[in-house]
């Protein structure tokens, strides 16, 4: 019960944390820093993927990024022309979508790594080892997802973290929007192709499953290594009675 209110208890605190980070609202009813390692890891997932429809500012945009990647990959796998809503998805669109996709992990992982070797980054950590790393990773993940919650053991009110998180918010928000607007303009200018036997249909349950699989696979390849160094490693340390 550490870090939680008796009015809500463990289950409702965990559910509230998962939902508010999935939808990037930033509201909390418990201290995420006090969760168990795997419980705390659950708060990372939504902000790292940030593709729940209705998520504040980014839900549909990020989901569409993954969707276009899924269309392109599926088209290559079955030898069909990648199309979305009757519009061909070609190299210019894939380049722009790739840039939008890569910005989010870049602004999370790069400053986190820098903070873990810079003295002015390490001095703000309230906990040692894996948990301290998780606090730093959470700070930049929350900033990139425009969330606002924190692992409060980290003292982020320093020149480094104030400037770094502000820059992460700026880069993490605006360039992906600009790139996806460019994709929309490029696609809108193309003629609508007729549906043929070679068209990859995107209005089926099969493609919906492939879209979900793309989100999970790309998200895992991008962020699982970072999570293994933090919450996952801390979980196994906790099993050996090592706390931080």
Protein backbone atom coordinates (compact mmCIF):
# COMPACT_ATOMS: atom_id res chain seq x y z
CA UNK A 1 0.00 0.00 0.00
CA UNK A 2 3.00 2.36 0.04
CA UNK A 3 2.24 5.32 -2.19
CA UNK A 4 -1.45 4.44 -2.49
CA UNK A 5 -4.60 5.78 -0.88
CA UNK A 6 -6.81 3.46 1.17
CA UNK A 7 -9.83 4.90 -0.66
CA UNK A 8 -8.68 3.21 -3.87
CA UNK A 9 -6.49 0.29 -2.87
CA UNK A 10 -4.02 -1.60 -5.02
CA UNK A 11 -6.30 -2.74 -7.87
CA UNK A 12 -7.92 0.62 -8.59
CA UNK A 13 -4.59 2.44 -8.24
CA UNK A 14 -3.02 0.12 -10.80
CA UNK A 15 -5.97 0.41 -13.17
CA UNK A 16 -6.03 4.20 -12.92
CA UNK A 17 -2.27 4.39 -13.59
CA UNK A 18 -2.57 2.15 -16.66
CA UNK A 19 -5.54 4.00 -18.14
CA UNK A 20 -4.18 7.53 -17.59
CA UNK A 21 -0.79 6.67 -19.09
CA UNK A 22 -2.43 4.89 -22.04
CA UNK A 23 -4.45 8.02 -22.77
CA UNK A 24 -1.54 10.34 -21.80
CA UNK A 25 -3.65 12.46 -19.45
CA UNK A 26 -1.06 12.77 -16.68
CA UNK A 27 -3.52 12.47 -13.80
CA UNK A 28 -2.59 10.14 -10.91
CA UNK A 29 -4.23 8.75 -7.79
CA UNK A 30 -1.13 6.95 -6.51
CA UNK A 31 2.63 7.40 -6.58
CA UNK A 32 3.91 5.49 -9.62
CA UNK A 33 7.40 5.51 -8.11
CA UNK A 34 6.12 3.27 -5.30
CA UNK A 35 4.72 0.56 -7.57
CA UNK A 36 6.42 -2.80 -7.80
CA UNK A 37 8.91 -2.99 -10.71
CA UNK A 38 6.53 -4.76 -13.12
CA UNK A 39 3.62 -2.64 -11.90
CA UNK A 40 5.64 0.46 -12.66
CA UNK A 41 6.58 -0.94 -16.05
CA UNK A 42 2.90 -1.03 -16.95
CA UNK A 43 2.83 2.76 -16.80
CA UNK A 44 5.62 2.97 -19.39
CA UNK A 45 3.91 0.89 -22.08
CA UNK A 46 1.07 3.22 -23.00
CA UNK A 47 3.33 6.27 -23.18
CA UNK A 48 5.91 4.43 -25.27
CA UNK A 49 3.36 3.15 -27.79
CA UNK A 50 0.99 6.17 -27.42
CA UNK A 51 -1.43 4.77 -29.97
CA UNK A 52 -4.65 4.25 -28.01
CA UNK A 53 -7.44 5.89 -29.98
CA UNK A 54 -8.56 9.02 -28.12
CA UNK A 55 -5.18 9.54 -26.48
CA UNK A 56 -4.63 13.24 -25.92
CA UNK A 57 -3.12 14.73 -29.06
CA UNK A 58 -1.38 11.62 -30.33
CA UNK A 59 -3.61 8.55 -30.13
CA UNK A 60 -4.91 8.51 -33.69
CA UNK A 61 -1.72 10.00 -35.17
CA UNK A 62 0.60 7.34 -33.71
CA UNK A 63 -1.85 4.55 -34.56
CA UNK A 64 -1.95 5.80 -38.16
CA UNK A 65 1.87 5.80 -38.29
CA UNK A 66 1.90 2.12 -37.29
CA UNK A 67 -0.98 1.47 -39.68
CA UNK A 68 0.89 2.79 -42.70
CA UNK A 69 3.96 0.78 -41.71
CA UNK A 70 1.71 -2.29 -41.46
CA UNK A 71 0.25 -1.59 -44.91
CA UNK A 72 3.71 -1.30 -46.45
CA UNK A 73 5.07 -4.44 -44.74
CA UNK A 74 1.95 -6.49 -45.54
CA UNK A 75 2.08 -5.37 -49.16
CA UNK A 76 5.69 -6.49 -49.45
CA UNK A 77 4.93 -9.83 -47.80
CA UNK A 78 2.11 -10.77 -50.17
CA UNK A 79 3.45 -9.04 -53.27
CA UNK A 80 0.60 -6.54 -53.53
CA UNK A 81 0.68 -2.79 -54.04
CA UNK A 82 0.44 -1.01 -50.68
CA UNK A 83 -2.70 1.10 -50.73
CA UNK A 84 -4.70 2.89 -48.06
CA UNK A 85 -8.20 4.20 -48.74
CA UNK A 86 -7.56 3.73 -52.45
CA UNK A 87 -4.34 5.75 -52.42
CA UNK A 88 -0.96 4.19 -53.21
CA UNK A 89 1.62 4.26 -50.40
CA UNK A 90 5.00 4.85 -51.99
CA UNK A 91 8.53 5.85 -51.05
CA UNK A 92 7.84 9.52 -50.08
CA UNK A 93 5.11 8.50 -47.65
CA UNK A 94 7.21 5.71 -46.11
CA UNK A 95 10.17 8.06 -45.59
CA UNK A 96 7.96 10.59 -43.80
CA UNK A 97 6.23 7.92 -41.71
CA UNK A 98 9.59 6.40 -40.76
CA UNK A 99 10.82 9.78 -39.55
CA UNK A 100 7.65 10.26 -37.49
CA UNK A 101 8.06 6.76 -36.04
CA UNK A 102 11.73 7.16 -35.09
CA UNK A 103 11.46 10.54 -33.37
CA UNK A 104 9.59 9.17 -30.34
CA UNK A 105 12.16 6.55 -29.26
CA UNK A 106 15.01 8.92 -30.14
CA UNK A 107 13.85 11.67 -27.76
CA UNK A 108 13.28 9.11 -24.99
CA UNK A 109 16.34 6.88 -25.21
CA UNK A 110 19.03 9.40 -26.20
CA UNK A 111 18.58 11.84 -23.27
CA UNK A 112 18.04 8.92 -20.88
CA UNK A 113 21.36 7.41 -21.90
CA UNK A 114 23.09 10.79 -21.63
CA UNK A 115 21.62 11.37 -18.15
CA UNK A 116 22.98 8.04 -16.97
CA UNK A 117 26.59 9.03 -17.71
CA UNK A 118 26.51 12.78 -17.00
CA UNK A 119 27.16 13.83 -13.36
CA UNK A 120 24.44 16.48 -13.51
CA UNK A 121 21.97 13.78 -14.57
CA UNK A 122 22.99 11.22 -11.96
CA UNK A 123 22.92 13.76 -9.11
CA UNK A 124 19.12 14.08 -9.39
CA UNK A 125 18.40 10.39 -8.88
CA UNK A 126 16.64 9.64 -5.61
CA UNK A 127 17.33 5.91 -5.85
CA UNK A 128 20.31 3.87 -6.93
CA UNK A 129 20.83 1.27 -9.65
CA UNK A 130 17.88 0.03 -11.73
CA UNK A 131 15.19 2.01 -9.96
CA UNK A 132 17.08 5.27 -10.37
CA UNK A 133 17.45 4.48 -14.06
CA UNK A 134 13.69 3.84 -14.26
CA UNK A 135 13.04 7.25 -12.72
CA UNK A 136 15.09 8.93 -15.46
CA UNK A 137 13.56 6.81 -18.22
CA UNK A 138 10.07 7.65 -16.95
CA UNK A 139 10.83 11.38 -16.92
CA UNK A 140 11.72 11.45 -20.61
CA UNK A 141 8.99 8.97 -21.58
CA UNK A 142 6.38 11.11 -19.84
CA UNK A 143 7.74 14.25 -21.53
CA UNK A 144 7.81 12.67 -24.99
CA UNK A 145 4.23 11.48 -24.57
CA UNK A 146 3.12 14.89 -23.24
CA UNK A 147 1.89 13.11 -20.13
CA UNK A 148 3.06 15.08 -17.10
CA UNK A 149 3.22 12.33 -14.46
CA UNK A 150 6.53 11.30 -12.94
CA UNK A 151 8.47 8.82 -10.85
CA UNK A 152 8.68 11.42 -8.11
CA UNK A 153 11.94 10.11 -6.64
CA UNK A 154 13.78 12.00 -9.39
CA UNK A 155 14.55 15.65 -8.76
CA UNK A 156 13.76 17.04 -12.19
CA UNK A 157 13.88 20.68 -11.07
CA UNK A 158 17.44 21.23 -12.26
CA UNK A 159 18.78 23.13 -15.30
CA UNK A 160 19.58 19.88 -17.14
CA UNK A 161 16.22 18.20 -16.65
CA UNK A 162 14.22 21.40 -17.15
CA UNK A 163 15.92 22.09 -20.49
CA UNK A 164 16.14 18.47 -21.63
CA UNK A 165 12.50 17.60 -20.91
CA UNK A 166 11.30 20.85 -22.52
CA UNK A 167 13.30 20.02 -25.66
CA UNK A 168 11.91 16.48 -25.63
CA UNK A 169 8.35 17.82 -25.46
CA UNK A 170 9.04 20.20 -28.36
CA UNK A 171 10.68 17.63 -30.64
CA UNK A 172 8.41 14.79 -29.57
CA UNK A 173 5.22 16.71 -30.40
CA UNK A 174 5.63 18.96 -33.43
CA UNK A 175 7.82 17.15 -35.99
CA UNK A 176 5.64 13.98 -36.04
CA UNK A 177 2.57 16.15 -36.63
CA UNK A 178 4.31 18.02 -39.44
CA UNK A 179 5.51 14.79 -41.07
CA UNK A 180 2.06 13.21 -40.93
CA UNK A 181 0.45 16.36 -42.36
CA UNK A 182 2.95 16.07 -45.23
CA UNK A 183 1.87 12.43 -45.68
CA UNK A 184 -1.77 13.52 -45.75
CA UNK A 185 -1.02 16.15 -48.39
CA UNK A 186 0.96 13.71 -50.51
CA UNK A 187 -1.74 11.04 -50.34
CA UNK A 188 -4.57 13.51 -51.00
CA UNK A 189 -2.89 14.65 -54.23
CA UNK A 190 -2.87 11.11 -55.64
CA UNK A 191 -5.71 9.70 -57.75
CA UNK A 192 -7.92 7.06 -56.18
CA UNK A 193 -7.03 3.63 -57.52
CA UNK A 194 -9.74 1.16 -58.44
CA UNK A 195 -10.11 -1.92 -56.24
CA UNK A 196 -8.80 -5.00 -58.03
CA UNK A 197 -7.78 -8.54 -57.16
CA UNK A 198 -4.30 -7.21 -56.39
CA UNK A 199 -5.51 -4.63 -53.87
CA UNK A 200 -4.49 -5.14 -50.25
CA UNK A 201 -7.74 -4.66 -48.35
CA UNK A 202 -7.38 -2.70 -45.12
CA UNK A 203 -10.99 -3.00 -43.97
CA UNK A 204 -10.80 -6.60 -42.74
CA UNK A 205 -10.28 -8.24 -39.35
CA UNK A 206 -7.19 -9.94 -40.73
CA UNK A 207 -5.52 -6.63 -41.48
CA UNK A 208 -6.67 -5.27 -38.12
CA UNK A 209 -4.83 -8.14 -36.44
CA UNK A 210 -1.76 -7.47 -38.57
CA UNK A 211 -1.93 -3.78 -37.62
CA UNK A 212 -2.02 -4.70 -33.92
CA UNK A 213 0.85 -7.14 -34.42
CA UNK A 214 2.91 -4.41 -36.08
CA UNK A 215 2.35 -2.10 -33.09
CA UNK A 216 3.43 -4.79 -30.63
CA UNK A 217 6.44 -6.03 -32.61
CA UNK A 218 7.82 -2.60 -33.51
CA UNK A 219 7.16 -1.31 -30.00
CA UNK A 220 8.88 -4.32 -28.44
CA UNK A 221 11.93 -4.08 -30.70
CA UNK A 222 12.22 -0.39 -29.88
CA UNK A 223 11.65 -0.24 -26.14
CA UNK A 224 12.05 -3.69 -24.55
CA UNK A 225 15.86 -3.38 -24.21
CA UNK A 226 15.41 -0.13 -22.26
CA UNK A 227 12.77 -1.73 -20.02
CA UNK A 228 14.94 -4.80 -19.41
CA UNK A 229 17.65 -2.56 -17.97
CA UNK A 230 15.16 -0.95 -15.59
CA UNK A 231 11.90 -2.49 -14.34
CA UNK A 232 12.60 -6.06 -15.51
CA UNK A 233 16.09 -6.18 -13.97
CA UNK A 234 14.72 -4.59 -10.79
CA UNK A 235 12.02 -7.25 -10.59
CA UNK A 236 14.58 -10.06 -10.58
CA UNK A 237 16.71 -8.12 -8.09
CA UNK A 238 13.67 -7.82 -5.84
CA UNK A 239 13.21 -11.59 -6.04
CA UNK A 240 16.72 -11.85 -4.54
CA UNK A 241 15.78 -9.34 -1.80
CA UNK A 242 17.70 -6.45 -3.34
CA UNK A 243 15.80 -3.18 -3.07
CA UNK A 244 16.81 0.33 -4.17
